Amino acid sequence: MMGVSLSGSEVQVNLMKFRLIKQCYKYWNDTVLKFQYPASKVYVELA
């Protein structure tokens, strides 16, 4: 198993990457989806 041979610093780096990805998803959800949702709602009402 690869997971067993991980050193402490590698685990730290993986945690940092995971947090970064989570923050990117949060940013995406908070910004893009908030803009897209009203736009799609308006589009449905116009259609």
PDB file of N, CA and C in Angstrom:
ATOM      1  N   MET A   1       0.843  -1.200   0.000  1.00  0.00           N
ATOM      2  CA  MET A   1       0.000   0.000   0.000  1.00  0.00           C
ATOM      3  C   MET A   1       0.876   1.248   0.000  1.00  0.00           C
ATOM      4  N   MET A   2       0.527   2.205  -0.835  1.00  0.00           N
ATOM      5  CA  MET A   2       1.304   3.442  -0.897  1.00  0.00           C
ATOM      6  C   MET A   2       1.080   4.306   0.334  1.00  0.00           C
ATOM      7  N   GLY A   3      -0.147   4.276   0.869  1.00  0.00           N
ATOM      8  CA  GLY A   3      -0.493   5.140   1.991  1.00  0.00           C
ATOM      9  C   GLY A   3       0.365   4.895   3.218  1.00  0.00           C
ATOM     10  N   VAL A   4       0.838   3.653   3.379  1.00  0.00           N
ATOM     11  CA  VAL A   4       1.599   3.305   4.573  1.00  0.00           C
ATOM     12  C   VAL A   4       2.961   3.985   4.561  1.00  0.00           C
ATOM     13  N   SER A   5       3.554   4.156   3.356  1.00  0.00           N
ATOM     14  CA  SER A   5       4.913   4.685   3.270  1.00  0.00           C
ATOM     15  C   SER A   5       4.959   6.212   3.231  1.00  0.00           C
ATOM     16  N   LEU A   6       3.819   6.866   3.448  1.00  0.00           N
ATOM     17  CA  LEU A   6       3.796   8.328   3.438  1.00  0.00           C
ATOM     18  C   LEU A   6       4.492   8.870   4.676  1.00  0.00           C
ATOM     19  N   SER A   7       5.316   9.878   4.477  1.00  0.00           N
ATOM     20  CA  SER A   7       5.933  10.550   5.613  1.00  0.00           C
ATOM     21  C   SER A   7       5.008  11.653   6.119  1.00  0.00           C
ATOM     22  N   GLY A   8       5.345  12.210   7.275  1.00  0.00           N
ATOM     23  CA  GLY A   8       4.510  13.257   7.867  1.00  0.00           C
ATOM     24  C   GLY A   8       4.367  14.460   6.965  1.00  0.00           C
ATOM     25  N   SER A   9       5.447  14.887   6.302  1.00  0.00           N
ATOM     26  CA  SER A   9       5.399  16.078   5.469  1.00  0.00           C
ATOM     27  C   SER A   9       4.525  15.847   4.242  1.00  0.00           C
ATOM     28  N   GLU A  10       4.524  14.637   3.717  1.00  0.00           N
ATOM     29  CA  GLU A  10       3.675  14.333   2.574  1.00  0.00           C
ATOM     30  C   GLU A  10       2.205  14.400   2.952  1.00  0.00           C
ATOM     31  N   VAL A  11       1.896  13.937   4.150  1.00  0.00           N
ATOM     32  CA  VAL A  11       0.525  14.017   4.648  1.00  0.00           C
ATOM     33  C   VAL A  11       0.115  15.470   4.773  1.00  0.00           C
ATOM     34  N   GLN A  12       1.020  16.327   5.295  1.00  0.00           N
ATOM     35  CA  GLN A  12       0.752  17.752   5.438  1.00  0.00           C
ATOM     36  C   GLN A  12       0.427  18.351   4.086  1.00  0.00           C
ATOM     37  N   VAL A  13       1.248  18.029   3.075  1.00  0.00           N
ATOM     38  CA  VAL A  13       1.053  18.598   1.736  1.00  0.00           C
ATOM     39  C   VAL A  13      -0.296  18.169   1.174  1.00  0.00           C
ATOM     40  N   ASN A  14      -0.642  16.889   1.380  1.00  0.00           N
ATOM     41  CA  ASN A  14      -1.925  16.402   0.888  1.00  0.00           C
ATOM     42  C   ASN A  14      -3.089  17.109   1.573  1.00  0.00           C
ATOM     43  N   LEU A  15      -2.952  17.378   2.878  1.00  0.00           N
ATOM     44  CA  LEU A  15      -3.994  18.098   3.600  1.00  0.00           C
ATOM     45  C   LEU A  15      -4.137  19.512   3.051  1.00  0.00           C
ATOM     46  N   MET A  16      -3.003  20.155   2.759  1.00  0.00           N
ATOM     47  CA  MET A  16      -3.040  21.512   2.221  1.00  0.00           C
ATOM     48  C   MET A  16      -3.720  21.525   0.859  1.00  0.00           C
ATOM     49  N   LYS A  17      -3.372  20.549   0.022  1.00  0.00           N
ATOM     50  CA  LYS A  17      -4.010  20.452  -1.297  1.00  0.00           C
ATOM     51  C   LYS A  17      -5.506  20.260  -1.157  1.00  0.00           C
ATOM     52  N   PHE A  18      -5.895  19.384  -0.238  1.00  0.00           N
ATOM     53  CA  PHE A  18      -7.310  19.104  -0.021  1.00  0.00           C
ATOM     54  C   PHE A  18      -8.044  20.368   0.412  1.00  0.00           C
ATOM     55  N   ARG A  19      -7.436  21.134   1.327  1.00  0.00           N
ATOM     56  CA  ARG A  19      -8.071  22.367   1.804  1.00  0.00           C
ATOM     57  C   ARG A  19      -8.183  23.376   0.675  1.00  0.00           C
ATOM     58  N   LEU A  20      -7.145  23.445  -0.156  1.00  0.00           N
ATOM     59  CA  LEU A  20      -7.145  24.384  -1.273  1.00  0.00           C
ATOM     60  C   LEU A  20      -8.265  24.050  -2.245  1.00  0.00           C
ATOM     61  N   ILE A  21      -8.402  22.765  -2.546  1.00  0.00           N
ATOM     62  CA  ILE A  21      -9.468  22.326  -3.457  1.00  0.00           C
ATOM     63  C   ILE A  21     -10.832  22.640  -2.853  1.00  0.00           C
ATOM     64  N   LYS A  22     -10.969  22.395  -1.544  1.00  0.00           N
ATOM     65  CA  LYS A  22     -12.236  22.690  -0.872  1.00  0.00           C
ATOM     66  C   LYS A  22     -12.556  24.178  -0.957  1.00  0.00           C
ATOM     67  N   GLN A  23     -11.535  25.033  -0.787  1.00  0.00           N
ATOM     68  CA  GLN A  23     -11.759  26.473  -0.856  1.00  0.00           C
ATOM     69  C   GLN A  23     -12.146  26.890  -2.266  1.00  0.00           C
ATOM     70  N   CYS A  24     -11.539  26.244  -3.271  1.00  0.00           N
ATOM     71  CA  CYS A  24     -11.882  26.552  -4.654  1.00  0.00           C
ATOM     72  C   CYS A  24     -13.348  26.207  -4.929  1.00  0.00           C
ATOM     73  N   TYR A  25     -13.780  25.052  -4.423  1.00  0.00           N
ATOM     74  CA  TYR A  25     -15.177  24.652  -4.605  1.00  0.00           C
ATOM     75  C   TYR A  25     -16.106  25.628  -3.913  1.00  0.00           C
ATOM     76  N   LYS A  26     -15.721  26.073  -2.702  1.00  0.00           N
ATOM     77  CA  LYS A  26     -16.552  27.008  -1.949  1.00  0.00           C
ATOM     78  C   LYS A  26     -16.652  28.322  -2.710  1.00  0.00           C
ATOM     79  N   TYR A  27     -15.511  28.792  -3.248  1.00  0.00           N
ATOM     80  CA  TYR A  27     -15.505  30.031  -4.014  1.00  0.00           C
ATOM     81  C   TYR A  27     -16.406  29.897  -5.235  1.00  0.00           C
ATOM     82  N   TRP A  28     -16.282  28.758  -5.925  1.00  0.00           N
ATOM     83  CA  TRP A  28     -17.107  28.491  -7.108  1.00  0.00           C
ATOM     84  C   TRP A  28     -18.586  28.531  -6.735  1.00  0.00           C
ATOM     85  N   ASN A  29     -18.947  27.843  -5.640  1.00  0.00           N
ATOM     86  CA  ASN A  29     -20.349  27.795  -5.214  1.00  0.00           C
ATOM     87  C   ASN A  29     -20.852  29.176  -4.819  1.00  0.00           C
ATOM     88  N   ASP A  30     -20.023  29.936  -4.090  1.00  0.00           N
ATOM     89  CA  ASP A  30     -20.464  31.224  -3.566  1.00  0.00           C
ATOM     90  C   ASP A  30     -20.590  32.274  -4.652  1.00  0.00           C
ATOM     91  N   THR A  31     -19.782  32.176  -5.720  1.00  0.00           N
ATOM     92  CA  THR A  31     -19.800  33.229  -6.725  1.00  0.00           C
ATOM     93  C   THR A  31     -20.547  32.796  -7.980  1.00  0.00           C
ATOM     94  N   VAL A  32     -19.992  31.818  -8.674  1.00  0.00           N
ATOM     95  CA  VAL A  32     -20.516  31.441  -9.987  1.00  0.00           C
ATOM     96  C   VAL A  32     -21.965  30.974  -9.898  1.00  0.00           C
ATOM     97  N   LEU A  33     -22.248  30.087  -8.942  1.00  0.00           N
ATOM     98  CA  LEU A  33     -23.599  29.536  -8.853  1.00  0.00           C
ATOM     99  C   LEU A  33     -24.608  30.608  -8.457  1.00  0.00           C
ATOM    100  N   LYS A  34     -24.190  31.556  -7.620  1.00  0.00           N
ATOM    101  CA  LYS A  34     -25.099  32.626  -7.219  1.00  0.00           C
ATOM    102  C   LYS A  34     -25.453  33.503  -8.417  1.00  0.00           C
ATOM    103  N   PHE A  35     -24.502  33.675  -9.336  1.00  0.00           N
ATOM    104  CA  PHE A  35     -24.790  34.470 -10.535  1.00  0.00           C
ATOM    105  C   PHE A  35     -25.577  33.659 -11.550  1.00  0.00           C
ATOM    106  N   GLN A  36     -25.246  32.376 -11.663  1.00  0.00           N
ATOM    107  CA  GLN A  36     -25.892  31.537 -12.661  1.00  0.00           C
ATOM    108  C   GLN A  36     -27.346  31.260 -12.308  1.00  0.00           C
ATOM    109  N   TYR A  37     -27.630  31.066 -11.037  1.00  0.00           N
ATOM    110  CA  TYR A  37     -28.978  30.666 -10.637  1.00  0.00           C
ATOM    111  C   TYR A  37     -30.015  31.740 -10.993  1.00  0.00           C
ATOM    112  N   PRO A  38     -29.804  33.004 -10.587  1.00  0.00           N
ATOM    113  CA  PRO A  38     -30.795  34.027 -10.962  1.00  0.00           C
ATOM    114  C   PRO A  38     -30.899  34.169 -12.478  1.00  0.00           C
ATOM    115  N   ALA A  39     -29.767  34.060 -13.168  1.00  0.00           N
ATOM    116  CA  ALA A  39     -29.775  34.201 -14.620  1.00  0.00           C
ATOM    117  C   ALA A  39     -30.623  33.104 -15.255  1.00  0.00           C
ATOM    118  N   SER A  40     -30.469  31.878 -14.780  1.00  0.00           N
ATOM    119  CA  SER A  40     -31.239  30.772 -15.350  1.00  0.00           C
ATOM    120  C   SER A  40     -32.708  30.913 -14.981  1.00  0.00           C
ATOM    121  N   LYS A  41     -32.982  31.472 -13.802  1.00  0.00           N
ATOM    122  CA  LYS A  41     -34.368  31.686 -13.382  1.00  0.00           C
ATOM    123  C   LYS A  41     -35.044  32.691 -14.311  1.00  0.00           C
ATOM    124  N   VAL A  42     -34.341  33.787 -14.574  1.00  0.00           N
ATOM    125  CA  VAL A  42     -34.865  34.816 -15.471  1.00  0.00           C
ATOM    126  C   VAL A  42     -35.079  34.232 -16.861  1.00  0.00           C
ATOM    127  N   TYR A  43     -34.119  33.419 -17.299  1.00  0.00           N
ATOM    128  CA  TYR A  43     -34.206  32.813 -18.628  1.00  0.00           C
ATOM    129  C   TYR A  43     -35.441  31.928 -18.721  1.00  0.00           C
ATOM    130  N   VAL A  44     -35.709  31.164 -17.660  1.00  0.00           N
ATOM    131  CA  VAL A  44     -36.885  30.280 -17.657  1.00  0.00           C
ATOM    132  C   VAL A  44     -38.157  31.115 -17.701  1.00  0.00           C
ATOM    133  N   GLU A  45     -38.169  32.226 -16.971  1.00  0.00           N
ATOM    134  CA  GLU A  45     -39.370  33.066 -16.943  1.00  0.00           C
ATOM    135  C   GLU A  45     -39.609  33.731 -18.291  1.00  0.00           C
ATOM    136  N   LEU A  46     -38.524  34.073 -18.984  1.00  0.00           N
ATOM    137  CA  LEU A  46     -38.662  34.703 -20.303  1.00  0.00           C
ATOM    138  C   LEU A  46     -39.102  33.687 -21.353  1.00  0.00           C
ATOM    139  N   ALA A  47     -38.664  32.451 -21.220  1.00  0.00           N
ATOM    140  CA  ALA A  47     -38.894  31.442 -22.250  1.00  0.00           C
ATOM    141  C   ALA A  47     -40.355  31.007 -22.352  1.00  0.00           C
TER     142      ALA A  47
END
